[in-house]
Each structure stands twice: as structure tokens, then as C-alpha cells.
Amino acid sequence: GPHGSGVDRELLNQLQRRGISATLFVNQRWCSENQSTMEQLVDEKFF
């Protein structure tokens, strides 16, 4: 949505660097605004 389509990349990077698994709940509106990020998340083994 208009106020909720950002990406906290530092948070995601910290989780990746520390090897912490996460379940990410994504809304379709967010996905359509962050296609490149979604492509990265799909391939991330910790998420």
C-alpha cells in the first residue's frame, strides 16, 4: 500500500549474515512494488 511498500534491507541483511531463519508474510501490493527484492528473497535459503 501507499505507506507500507518499503524494504528494511538492513534488517534482512543482518538476519542473513547471522544465519537466522525468518518467515516473511508478503502482501501482493508489496510484491508488485518490490519485484527485484522478491526475486532475491525467493532464492534466500534462510527465508
All heavy atoms as atom14 arrays in JSON, in Angstrom:
{
  "sequence": "GPHGSGVDRELLNQLQRRGISATLFVNQRWCSENQSTMEQLVDEKFF",
  "atom14_mask": [
    [1, 1, 1, 1, 0, 0, 0, 0, 0, 0, 0, 0, 0, 0],
    [1, 1, 1, 1, 1, 1, 1, 0, 0, 0, 0, 0, 0, 0],
    [1, 1, 1, 1, 1, 1, 1, 1, 1, 1, 0, 0, 0, 0],
    [1, 1, 1, 1, 0, 0, 0, 0, 0, 0, 0, 0, 0, 0],
    [1, 1, 1, 1, 1, 1, 0, 0, 0, 0, 0, 0, 0, 0],
    [1, 1, 1, 1, 0, 0, 0, 0, 0, 0, 0, 0, 0, 0],
    [1, 1, 1, 1, 1, 1, 1, 0, 0, 0, 0, 0, 0, 0],
    [1, 1, 1, 1, 1, 1, 1, 1, 0, 0, 0, 0, 0, 0],
    [1, 1, 1, 1, 1, 1, 1, 1, 1, 1, 1, 0, 0, 0],
    [1, 1, 1, 1, 1, 1, 1, 1, 1, 0, 0, 0, 0, 0],
    [1, 1, 1, 1, 1, 1, 1, 1, 0, 0, 0, 0, 0, 0],
    [1, 1, 1, 1, 1, 1, 1, 1, 0, 0, 0, 0, 0, 0],
    [1, 1, 1, 1, 1, 1, 1, 1, 0, 0, 0, 0, 0, 0],
    [1, 1, 1, 1, 1, 1, 1, 1, 1, 0, 0, 0, 0, 0],
    [1, 1, 1, 1, 1, 1, 1, 1, 0, 0, 0, 0, 0, 0],
    [1, 1, 1, 1, 1, 1, 1, 1, 1, 0, 0, 0, 0, 0],
    [1, 1, 1, 1, 1, 1, 1, 1, 1, 1, 1, 0, 0, 0],
    [1, 1, 1, 1, 1, 1, 1, 1, 1, 1, 1, 0, 0, 0],
    [1, 1, 1, 1, 0, 0, 0, 0, 0, 0, 0, 0, 0, 0],
    [1, 1, 1, 1, 1, 1, 1, 1, 0, 0, 0, 0, 0, 0],
    [1, 1, 1, 1, 1, 1, 0, 0, 0, 0, 0, 0, 0, 0],
    [1, 1, 1, 1, 1, 0, 0, 0, 0, 0, 0, 0, 0, 0],
    [1, 1, 1, 1, 1, 1, 1, 0, 0, 0, 0, 0, 0, 0],
    [1, 1, 1, 1, 1, 1, 1, 1, 0, 0, 0, 0, 0, 0],
    [1, 1, 1, 1, 1, 1, 1, 1, 1, 1, 1, 0, 0, 0],
    [1, 1, 1, 1, 1, 1, 1, 0, 0, 0, 0, 0, 0, 0],
    [1, 1, 1, 1, 1, 1, 1, 1, 0, 0, 0, 0, 0, 0],
    [1, 1, 1, 1, 1, 1, 1, 1, 1, 0, 0, 0, 0, 0],
    [1, 1, 1, 1, 1, 1, 1, 1, 1, 1, 1, 0, 0, 0],
    [1, 1, 1, 1, 1, 1, 1, 1, 1, 1, 1, 1, 1, 1],
    [1, 1, 1, 1, 1, 1, 0, 0, 0, 0, 0, 0, 0, 0],
    [1, 1, 1, 1, 1, 1, 0, 0, 0, 0, 0, 0, 0, 0],
    [1, 1, 1, 1, 1, 1, 1, 1, 1, 0, 0, 0, 0, 0],
    [1, 1, 1, 1, 1, 1, 1, 1, 0, 0, 0, 0, 0, 0],
    [1, 1, 1, 1, 1, 1, 1, 1, 1, 0, 0, 0, 0, 0],
    [1, 1, 1, 1, 1, 1, 0, 0, 0, 0, 0, 0, 0, 0],
    [1, 1, 1, 1, 1, 1, 1, 0, 0, 0, 0, 0, 0, 0],
    [1, 1, 1, 1, 1, 1, 1, 1, 0, 0, 0, 0, 0, 0],
    [1, 1, 1, 1, 1, 1, 1, 1, 1, 0, 0, 0, 0, 0],
    [1, 1, 1, 1, 1, 1, 1, 1, 1, 0, 0, 0, 0, 0],
    [1, 1, 1, 1, 1, 1, 1, 1, 0, 0, 0, 0, 0, 0],
    [1, 1, 1, 1, 1, 1, 1, 0, 0, 0, 0, 0, 0, 0],
    [1, 1, 1, 1, 1, 1, 1, 1, 0, 0, 0, 0, 0, 0],
    [1, 1, 1, 1, 1, 1, 1, 1, 1, 0, 0, 0, 0, 0],
    [1, 1, 1, 1, 1, 1, 1, 1, 1, 0, 0, 0, 0, 0],
    [1, 1, 1, 1, 1, 1, 1, 1, 1, 1, 1, 0, 0, 0],
    [1, 1, 1, 1, 1, 1, 1, 1, 1, 1, 1, 0, 0, 0]
  ],
  "atom14_positions": [
    [[0.81, -1.2, 0.0], [0.0, 0.0, 0.0], [0.85, 1.26, 0.0], [2.08, 1.2, 0.07], [0.0, 0.0, 0.0], [0.0, 0.0, 0.0], [0.0, 0.0, 0.0], [0.0, 0.0, 0.0], [0.0, 0.0, 0.0], [0.0, 0.0, 0.0], [0.0, 0.0, 0.0], [0.0, 0.0, 0.0], [0.0, 0.0, 0.0], [0.0, 0.0, 0.0]],
    [[0.22, 2.43, -0.07], [0.95, 3.7, -0.18], [1.94, 3.95, 0.95], [2.97, 4.6, 0.73], [-0.18, 4.74, -0.16], [-1.39, 4.02, -0.63], [-1.25, 2.62, -0.11], [0.0, 0.0, 0.0], [0.0, 0.0, 0.0], [0.0, 0.0, 0.0], [0.0, 0.0, 0.0], [0.0, 0.0, 0.0], [0.0, 0.0, 0.0], [0.0, 0.0, 0.0]],
    [[1.65, 3.46, 2.13], [2.53, 3.73, 3.27], [3.22, 2.46, 3.79], [3.79, 2.48, 4.88], [1.73, 4.37, 4.4], [0.98, 5.6, 3.99], [1.62, 6.78, 3.65], [-0.35, 5.82, 3.83], [0.71, 7.69, 3.31], [-0.48, 7.13, 3.41], [0.0, 0.0, 0.0], [0.0, 0.0, 0.0], [0.0, 0.0, 0.0], [0.0, 0.0, 0.0]],
    [[3.16, 1.39, 3.03], [3.72, 0.14, 3.54], [4.47, -0.68, 2.54], [4.57, -1.9, 2.66], [0.0, 0.0, 0.0], [0.0, 0.0, 0.0], [0.0, 0.0, 0.0], [0.0, 0.0, 0.0], [0.0, 0.0, 0.0], [0.0, 0.0, 0.0], [0.0, 0.0, 0.0], [0.0, 0.0, 0.0], [0.0, 0.0, 0.0], [0.0, 0.0, 0.0]],
    [[5.05, -0.04, 1.52], [5.75, -0.79, 0.48], [7.26, -0.62, 0.51], [7.95, -0.89, -0.47], [5.21, -0.38, -0.91], [3.88, -0.83, -1.08], [0.0, 0.0, 0.0], [0.0, 0.0, 0.0], [0.0, 0.0, 0.0], [0.0, 0.0, 0.0], [0.0, 0.0, 0.0], [0.0, 0.0, 0.0], [0.0, 0.0, 0.0], [0.0, 0.0, 0.0]],
    [[7.79, -0.19, 1.66], [9.23, -0.06, 1.79], [9.9, -1.39, 2.07], [9.25, -2.43, 2.18], [0.0, 0.0, 0.0], [0.0, 0.0, 0.0], [0.0, 0.0, 0.0], [0.0, 0.0, 0.0], [0.0, 0.0, 0.0], [0.0, 0.0, 0.0], [0.0, 0.0, 0.0], [0.0, 0.0, 0.0], [0.0, 0.0, 0.0], [0.0, 0.0, 0.0]],
    [[11.22, -1.37, 2.18], [12.01, -2.57, 2.47], [13.08, -2.21, 3.5], [13.89, -1.32, 3.25], [12.7, -3.15, 1.22], [13.43, -4.44, 1.57], [11.68, -3.39, 0.11], [0.0, 0.0, 0.0], [0.0, 0.0, 0.0], [0.0, 0.0, 0.0], [0.0, 0.0, 0.0], [0.0, 0.0, 0.0], [0.0, 0.0, 0.0], [0.0, 0.0, 0.0]],
    [[13.09, -2.88, 4.63], [14.15, -2.69, 5.62], [15.3, -3.63, 5.24], [15.44, -4.73, 5.78], [13.64, -2.99, 7.03], [14.62, -2.53, 8.1], [15.81, -2.41, 7.79], [14.18, -2.32, 9.24], [0.0, 0.0, 0.0], [0.0, 0.0, 0.0], [0.0, 0.0, 0.0], [0.0, 0.0, 0.0], [0.0, 0.0, 0.0], [0.0, 0.0, 0.0]],
    [[16.11, -3.19, 4.3], [17.18, -4.04, 3.77], [18.23, -4.36, 4.83], [18.8, -5.46, 4.84], [17.82, -3.38, 2.55], [16.83, -3.18, 1.41], [17.5, -2.63, 0.16], [16.51, -2.36, -0.88], [16.01, -3.27, -1.7], [16.43, -4.53, -1.6], [15.12, -2.96, -2.62], [0.0, 0.0, 0.0], [0.0, 0.0, 0.0], [0.0, 0.0, 0.0]],
    [[18.5, -3.41, 5.73], [19.5, -3.66, 6.76], [19.04, -4.79, 7.69], [19.84, -5.64, 8.08], [19.78, -2.39, 7.56], [20.81, -2.57, 8.66], [22.15, -3.08, 8.16], [22.48, -2.88, 6.96], [22.88, -3.69, 8.97], [0.0, 0.0, 0.0], [0.0, 0.0, 0.0], [0.0, 0.0, 0.0], [0.0, 0.0, 0.0], [0.0, 0.0, 0.0]],
    [[17.76, -4.79, 8.03], [17.24, -5.87, 8.87], [17.39, -7.22, 8.17], [17.89, -8.19, 8.76], [15.78, -5.61, 9.2], [15.02, -6.76, 9.87], [15.69, -7.19, 11.18], [13.56, -6.36, 10.11], [0.0, 0.0, 0.0], [0.0, 0.0, 0.0], [0.0, 0.0, 0.0], [0.0, 0.0, 0.0], [0.0, 0.0, 0.0], [0.0, 0.0, 0.0]],
    [[16.98, -7.29, 6.91], [17.09, -8.55, 6.17], [18.55, -8.97, 6.03], [18.88, -10.16, 6.17], [16.44, -8.4, 4.79], [14.93, -8.14, 4.77], [14.45, -7.95, 3.33], [14.17, -9.26, 5.45], [0.0, 0.0, 0.0], [0.0, 0.0, 0.0], [0.0, 0.0, 0.0], [0.0, 0.0, 0.0], [0.0, 0.0, 0.0], [0.0, 0.0, 0.0]],
    [[19.42, -8.01, 5.77], [20.84, -8.33, 5.64], [21.43, -8.86, 6.94], [22.24, -9.8, 6.94], [21.62, -7.1, 5.18], [21.32, -6.7, 3.75], [20.82, -7.52, 2.97], [21.6, -5.46, 3.4], [0.0, 0.0, 0.0], [0.0, 0.0, 0.0], [0.0, 0.0, 0.0], [0.0, 0.0, 0.0], [0.0, 0.0, 0.0], [0.0, 0.0, 0.0]],
    [[21.04, -8.26, 8.05], [21.53, -8.73, 9.36], [21.08, -10.16, 9.63], [21.86, -10.99, 10.11], [21.03, -7.81, 10.47], [21.75, -6.47, 10.55], [23.13, -6.6, 11.17], [23.52, -7.66, 11.65], [23.89, -5.51, 11.14], [0.0, 0.0, 0.0], [0.0, 0.0, 0.0], [0.0, 0.0, 0.0], [0.0, 0.0, 0.0], [0.0, 0.0, 0.0]],
    [[19.84, -10.46, 9.32], [19.34, -11.82, 9.53], [20.11, -12.81, 8.66], [20.48, -13.9, 9.11], [17.84, -11.88, 9.21], [16.92, -11.05, 10.1], [15.48, -11.15, 9.61], [17.02, -11.48, 11.55], [0.0, 0.0, 0.0], [0.0, 0.0, 0.0], [0.0, 0.0, 0.0], [0.0, 0.0, 0.0], [0.0, 0.0, 0.0], [0.0, 0.0, 0.0]],
    [[20.37, -12.42, 7.41], [21.13, -13.28, 6.51], [22.54, -13.5, 7.02], [23.04, -14.64, 7.04], [21.15, -12.68, 5.1], [19.8, -12.71, 4.4], [19.82, -11.9, 3.12], [20.29, -10.77, 3.09], [19.29, -12.47, 2.04], [0.0, 0.0, 0.0], [0.0, 0.0, 0.0], [0.0, 0.0, 0.0], [0.0, 0.0, 0.0], [0.0, 0.0, 0.0]],
    [[23.2, -12.42, 7.42], [24.59, -12.53, 7.89], [24.7, -13.4, 9.13], [25.7, -14.1, 9.33], [25.16, -11.14, 8.17], [25.52, -10.36, 6.91], [26.42, -9.18, 7.23], [25.72, -8.12, 7.93], [25.13, -7.09, 7.35], [25.13, -6.99, 6.03], [24.54, -6.16, 8.06], [0.0, 0.0, 0.0], [0.0, 0.0, 0.0], [0.0, 0.0, 0.0]],
    [[23.67, -13.35, 9.96], [23.71, -14.13, 11.21], [23.11, -15.53, 11.05], [23.06, -16.3, 12.0], [22.97, -13.37, 12.31], [23.62, -12.05, 12.66], [22.75, -11.2, 13.58], [23.34, -9.89, 13.79], [24.17, -9.58, 14.79], [24.52, -10.53, 15.65], [24.65, -8.37, 14.91], [0.0, 0.0, 0.0], [0.0, 0.0, 0.0], [0.0, 0.0, 0.0]],
    [[22.64, -15.83, 9.84], [22.1, -17.16, 9.58], [20.81, -17.43, 10.32], [20.55, -18.57, 10.72], [0.0, 0.0, 0.0], [0.0, 0.0, 0.0], [0.0, 0.0, 0.0], [0.0, 0.0, 0.0], [0.0, 0.0, 0.0], [0.0, 0.0, 0.0], [0.0, 0.0, 0.0], [0.0, 0.0, 0.0], [0.0, 0.0, 0.0], [0.0, 0.0, 0.0]],
    [[19.98, -16.4, 10.48], [18.73, -16.55, 11.22], [17.58, -16.76, 10.24], [17.34, -15.95, 9.35], [18.45, -15.3, 12.08], [19.56, -15.13, 13.1], [17.1, -15.41, 12.77], [19.45, -13.85, 13.91], [0.0, 0.0, 0.0], [0.0, 0.0, 0.0], [0.0, 0.0, 0.0], [0.0, 0.0, 0.0], [0.0, 0.0, 0.0], [0.0, 0.0, 0.0]],
    [[16.86, -17.85, 10.41], [15.72, -18.15, 9.55], [14.55, -17.24, 9.9], [14.32, -16.9, 11.05], [15.29, -19.61, 9.72], [16.33, -20.48, 9.36], [0.0, 0.0, 0.0], [0.0, 0.0, 0.0], [0.0, 0.0, 0.0], [0.0, 0.0, 0.0], [0.0, 0.0, 0.0], [0.0, 0.0, 0.0], [0.0, 0.0, 0.0], [0.0, 0.0, 0.0]],
    [[13.78, -16.85, 8.87], [12.63, -15.98, 9.08], [11.51, -16.39, 8.13], [11.75, -16.79, 7.0], [13.01, -14.53, 8.83], [0.0, 0.0, 0.0], [0.0, 0.0, 0.0], [0.0, 0.0, 0.0], [0.0, 0.0, 0.0], [0.0, 0.0, 0.0], [0.0, 0.0, 0.0], [0.0, 0.0, 0.0], [0.0, 0.0, 0.0], [0.0, 0.0, 0.0]],
    [[10.28, -16.27, 8.62], [9.12, -16.44, 7.77], [8.59, -15.06, 7.43], [8.23, -14.3, 8.33], [8.03, -17.28, 8.46], [8.57, -18.57, 8.75], [6.82, -17.44, 7.56], [0.0, 0.0, 0.0], [0.0, 0.0, 0.0], [0.0, 0.0, 0.0], [0.0, 0.0, 0.0], [0.0, 0.0, 0.0], [0.0, 0.0, 0.0], [0.0, 0.0, 0.0]],
    [[8.56, -14.73, 6.15], [8.18, -13.4, 5.69], [6.8, -13.45, 5.06], [6.6, -14.12, 4.04], [9.2, -12.88, 4.67], [10.68, -12.92, 5.09], [11.55, -12.39, 3.95], [10.91, -12.13, 6.37], [0.0, 0.0, 0.0], [0.0, 0.0, 0.0], [0.0, 0.0, 0.0], [0.0, 0.0, 0.0], [0.0, 0.0, 0.0], [0.0, 0.0, 0.0]],
    [[5.85, -12.75, 5.66], [4.48, -12.7, 5.14], [4.36, -11.51, 4.19], [4.48, -10.36, 4.61], [3.48, -12.58, 6.29], [3.26, -13.87, 7.01], [4.14, -14.29, 8.0], [2.19, -14.69, 6.7], [3.96, -15.48, 8.67], [1.99, -15.89, 7.36], [2.88, -16.29, 8.35], [0.0, 0.0, 0.0], [0.0, 0.0, 0.0], [0.0, 0.0, 0.0]],
    [[4.13, -11.79, 2.92], [4.13, -10.74, 1.9], [2.74, -10.54, 1.31], [2.03, -11.5, 0.99], [5.15, -11.05, 0.77], [6.56, -10.99, 1.32], [4.88, -12.4, 0.12], [0.0, 0.0, 0.0], [0.0, 0.0, 0.0], [0.0, 0.0, 0.0], [0.0, 0.0, 0.0], [0.0, 0.0, 0.0], [0.0, 0.0, 0.0], [0.0, 0.0, 0.0]],
    [[2.35, -9.28, 1.19], [1.09, -8.9, 0.56], [1.33, -8.67, -0.93], [2.41, -8.24, -1.33], [0.59, -7.61, 1.24], [-0.73, -7.14, 0.66], [-0.76, -6.3, -0.22], [-1.81, -7.69, 1.18], [0.0, 0.0, 0.0], [0.0, 0.0, 0.0], [0.0, 0.0, 0.0], [0.0, 0.0, 0.0], [0.0, 0.0, 0.0], [0.0, 0.0, 0.0]],
    [[0.32, -8.94, -1.74], [0.5, -8.81, -3.19], [0.86, -7.38, -3.59], [1.67, -7.16, -4.5], [-0.75, -9.25, -3.93], [-0.58, -9.25, -5.44], [-1.76, -9.83, -6.18], [-2.51, -10.64, -5.64], [-1.96, -9.4, -7.41], [0.0, 0.0, 0.0], [0.0, 0.0, 0.0], [0.0, 0.0, 0.0], [0.0, 0.0, 0.0], [0.0, 0.0, 0.0]],
    [[0.29, -6.39, -2.9], [0.6, -4.99, -3.22], [2.09, -4.71, -3.01], [2.73, -4.03, -3.82], [-0.24, -4.04, -2.36], [-1.73, -4.25, -2.46], [-2.46, -3.31, -1.51], [-2.0, -3.45, -0.13], [-2.41, -2.69, 0.88], [-3.28, -1.73, 0.67], [-1.96, -2.89, 2.11], [0.0, 0.0, 0.0], [0.0, 0.0, 0.0], [0.0, 0.0, 0.0]],
    [[2.63, -5.27, -1.92], [4.04, -5.07, -1.63], [4.9, -5.77, -2.68], [5.9, -5.21, -3.17], [4.37, -5.58, -0.24], [5.8, -5.36, 0.16], [6.32, -4.26, 0.77], [6.9, -6.25, -0.07], [7.68, -4.4, 0.94], [8.07, -5.62, 0.43], [7.02, -7.51, -0.64], [9.32, -6.22, 0.38], [8.27, -8.11, -0.71], [9.41, -7.46, -0.19]],
    [[4.52, -6.98, -3.04], [5.3, -7.74, -4.02], [5.37, -7.02, -5.35], [6.44, -6.98, -5.99], [4.67, -9.12, -4.23], [4.72, -10.2, -2.78], [0.0, 0.0, 0.0], [0.0, 0.0, 0.0], [0.0, 0.0, 0.0], [0.0, 0.0, 0.0], [0.0, 0.0, 0.0], [0.0, 0.0, 0.0], [0.0, 0.0, 0.0], [0.0, 0.0, 0.0]],
    [[4.25, -6.45, -5.79], [4.23, -5.78, -7.09], [5.1, -4.54, -7.11], [5.58, -4.12, -8.18], [2.79, -5.42, -7.48], [2.25, -4.46, -6.57], [0.0, 0.0, 0.0], [0.0, 0.0, 0.0], [0.0, 0.0, 0.0], [0.0, 0.0, 0.0], [0.0, 0.0, 0.0], [0.0, 0.0, 0.0], [0.0, 0.0, 0.0], [0.0, 0.0, 0.0]],
    [[5.35, -3.94, -5.94], [6.21, -2.76, -5.84], [7.66, -3.11, -5.59], [8.53, -2.23, -5.63], [5.71, -1.84, -4.72], [4.35, -1.21, -4.97], [4.39, -0.22, -6.12], [5.43, 0.46, -6.3], [3.39, -0.12, -6.85], [0.0, 0.0, 0.0], [0.0, 0.0, 0.0], [0.0, 0.0, 0.0], [0.0, 0.0, 0.0], [0.0, 0.0, 0.0]],
    [[7.94, -4.38, -5.32], [9.31, -4.78, -4.94], [9.7, -6.09, -5.64], [10.13, -7.05, -5.01], [9.39, -4.97, -3.42], [9.2, -3.67, -2.66], [10.11, -2.86, -2.53], [7.99, -3.46, -2.16], [0.0, 0.0, 0.0], [0.0, 0.0, 0.0], [0.0, 0.0, 0.0], [0.0, 0.0, 0.0], [0.0, 0.0, 0.0], [0.0, 0.0, 0.0]],
    [[9.57, -6.09, -6.95], [9.8, -7.32, -7.7], [11.25, -7.8, -7.62], [11.5, -9.0, -7.49], [9.37, -7.12, -9.16], [7.88, -6.87, -9.31], [7.44, -6.74, -10.75], [8.14, -7.15, -11.68], [6.27, -6.15, -10.96], [0.0, 0.0, 0.0], [0.0, 0.0, 0.0], [0.0, 0.0, 0.0], [0.0, 0.0, 0.0], [0.0, 0.0, 0.0]],
    [[12.19, -6.89, -7.68], [13.59, -7.31, -7.62], [13.92, -7.89, -6.24], [14.65, -8.88, -6.13], [14.52, -6.15, -7.95], [14.37, -5.09, -7.02], [0.0, 0.0, 0.0], [0.0, 0.0, 0.0], [0.0, 0.0, 0.0], [0.0, 0.0, 0.0], [0.0, 0.0, 0.0], [0.0, 0.0, 0.0], [0.0, 0.0, 0.0], [0.0, 0.0, 0.0]],
    [[13.38, -7.26, -5.2], [13.59, -7.79, -3.84], [12.96, -9.17, -3.7], [13.54, -10.08, -3.1], [13.0, -6.84, -2.79], [13.66, -5.58, -2.88], [13.19, -7.39, -1.38], [0.0, 0.0, 0.0], [0.0, 0.0, 0.0], [0.0, 0.0, 0.0], [0.0, 0.0, 0.0], [0.0, 0.0, 0.0], [0.0, 0.0, 0.0], [0.0, 0.0, 0.0]],
    [[11.77, -9.34, -4.26], [11.11, -10.65, -4.2], [11.96, -11.72, -4.88], [12.08, -12.84, -4.36], [9.74, -10.56, -4.87], [8.62, -10.12, -3.94], [8.29, -11.32, -2.6], [7.77, -12.75, -3.54], [0.0, 0.0, 0.0], [0.0, 0.0, 0.0], [0.0, 0.0, 0.0], [0.0, 0.0, 0.0], [0.0, 0.0, 0.0], [0.0, 0.0, 0.0]],
    [[12.54, -11.39, -6.01], [13.37, -12.37, -6.7], [14.55, -12.8, -5.84], [14.96, -13.97, -5.85], [13.85, -11.78, -8.03], [12.73, -11.6, -9.04], [13.15, -10.8, -10.26], [14.34, -10.38, -10.3], [12.33, -10.61, -11.17], [0.0, 0.0, 0.0], [0.0, 0.0, 0.0], [0.0, 0.0, 0.0], [0.0, 0.0, 0.0], [0.0, 0.0, 0.0]],
    [[15.09, -11.87, -5.06], [16.19, -12.2, -4.15], [15.7, -13.05, -2.98], [16.36, -14.0, -2.57], [16.84, -10.92, -3.64], [17.5, -10.08, -4.73], [17.9, -8.71, -4.24], [17.96, -8.45, -3.04], [18.16, -7.8, -5.17], [0.0, 0.0, 0.0], [0.0, 0.0, 0.0], [0.0, 0.0, 0.0], [0.0, 0.0, 0.0], [0.0, 0.0, 0.0]],
    [[14.54, -12.71, -2.44], [14.02, -13.42, -1.27], [13.66, -14.86, -1.62], [13.84, -15.77, -0.8], [12.79, -12.7, -0.71], [13.03, -11.32, -0.1], [11.71, -10.7, 0.33], [14.0, -11.41, 1.08], [0.0, 0.0, 0.0], [0.0, 0.0, 0.0], [0.0, 0.0, 0.0], [0.0, 0.0, 0.0], [0.0, 0.0, 0.0], [0.0, 0.0, 0.0]],
    [[13.16, -15.06, -2.83], [12.79, -16.42, -3.25], [14.0, -17.34, -3.2], [13.88, -18.53, -2.85], [12.19, -16.4, -4.66], [12.07, -17.8, -5.24], [10.81, -15.73, -4.64], [0.0, 0.0, 0.0], [0.0, 0.0, 0.0], [0.0, 0.0, 0.0], [0.0, 0.0, 0.0], [0.0, 0.0, 0.0], [0.0, 0.0, 0.0], [0.0, 0.0, 0.0]],
    [[15.18, -16.82, -3.52], [16.39, -17.63, -3.57], [17.16, -17.67, -2.24], [18.17, -18.36, -2.14], [17.33, -17.1, -4.66], [16.73, -17.26, -6.05], [15.97, -18.23, -6.25], [17.03, -16.43, -6.93], [0.0, 0.0, 0.0], [0.0, 0.0, 0.0], [0.0, 0.0, 0.0], [0.0, 0.0, 0.0], [0.0, 0.0, 0.0], [0.0, 0.0, 0.0]],
    [[16.69, -16.94, -1.24], [17.39, -16.89, 0.04], [17.0, -18.08, 0.92], [15.83, -18.22, 1.31], [17.06, -15.57, 0.75], [17.64, -15.45, 2.15], [19.11, -15.78, 2.2], [19.9, -15.08, 1.54], [19.47, -16.75, 2.9], [0.0, 0.0, 0.0], [0.0, 0.0, 0.0], [0.0, 0.0, 0.0], [0.0, 0.0, 0.0], [0.0, 0.0, 0.0]],
    [[17.97, -18.92, 1.24], [17.67, -20.16, 1.95], [17.18, -19.95, 3.37], [16.54, -20.83, 3.95], [18.9, -21.06, 1.96], [20.09, -20.49, 2.76], [21.26, -21.46, 2.73], [22.44, -20.91, 3.54], [23.59, -21.85, 3.52], [0.0, 0.0, 0.0], [0.0, 0.0, 0.0], [0.0, 0.0, 0.0], [0.0, 0.0, 0.0], [0.0, 0.0, 0.0]],
    [[17.47, -18.78, 3.98], [17.07, -18.55, 5.35], [15.64, -18.02, 5.48], [15.1, -17.94, 6.57], [18.02, -17.56, 6.04], [19.4, -18.11, 6.24], [20.48, -17.57, 5.54], [19.62, -19.17, 7.09], [21.76, -18.08, 5.71], [20.9, -19.7, 7.26], [21.97, -19.15, 6.58], [0.0, 0.0, 0.0], [0.0, 0.0, 0.0], [0.0, 0.0, 0.0]],
    [[15.03, -17.65, 4.35], [13.7, -17.06, 4.39], [12.67, -17.96, 3.74], [12.88, -18.49, 2.65], [13.68, -15.7, 3.68], [14.56, -14.66, 4.32], [15.21, -13.72, 3.54], [14.76, -14.64, 5.7], [16.03, -12.75, 4.12], [15.57, -13.69, 6.29], [16.21, -12.74, 5.5], [0.0, 0.0, 0.0], [0.0, 0.0, 0.0], [0.0, 0.0, 0.0]]
  ]
}
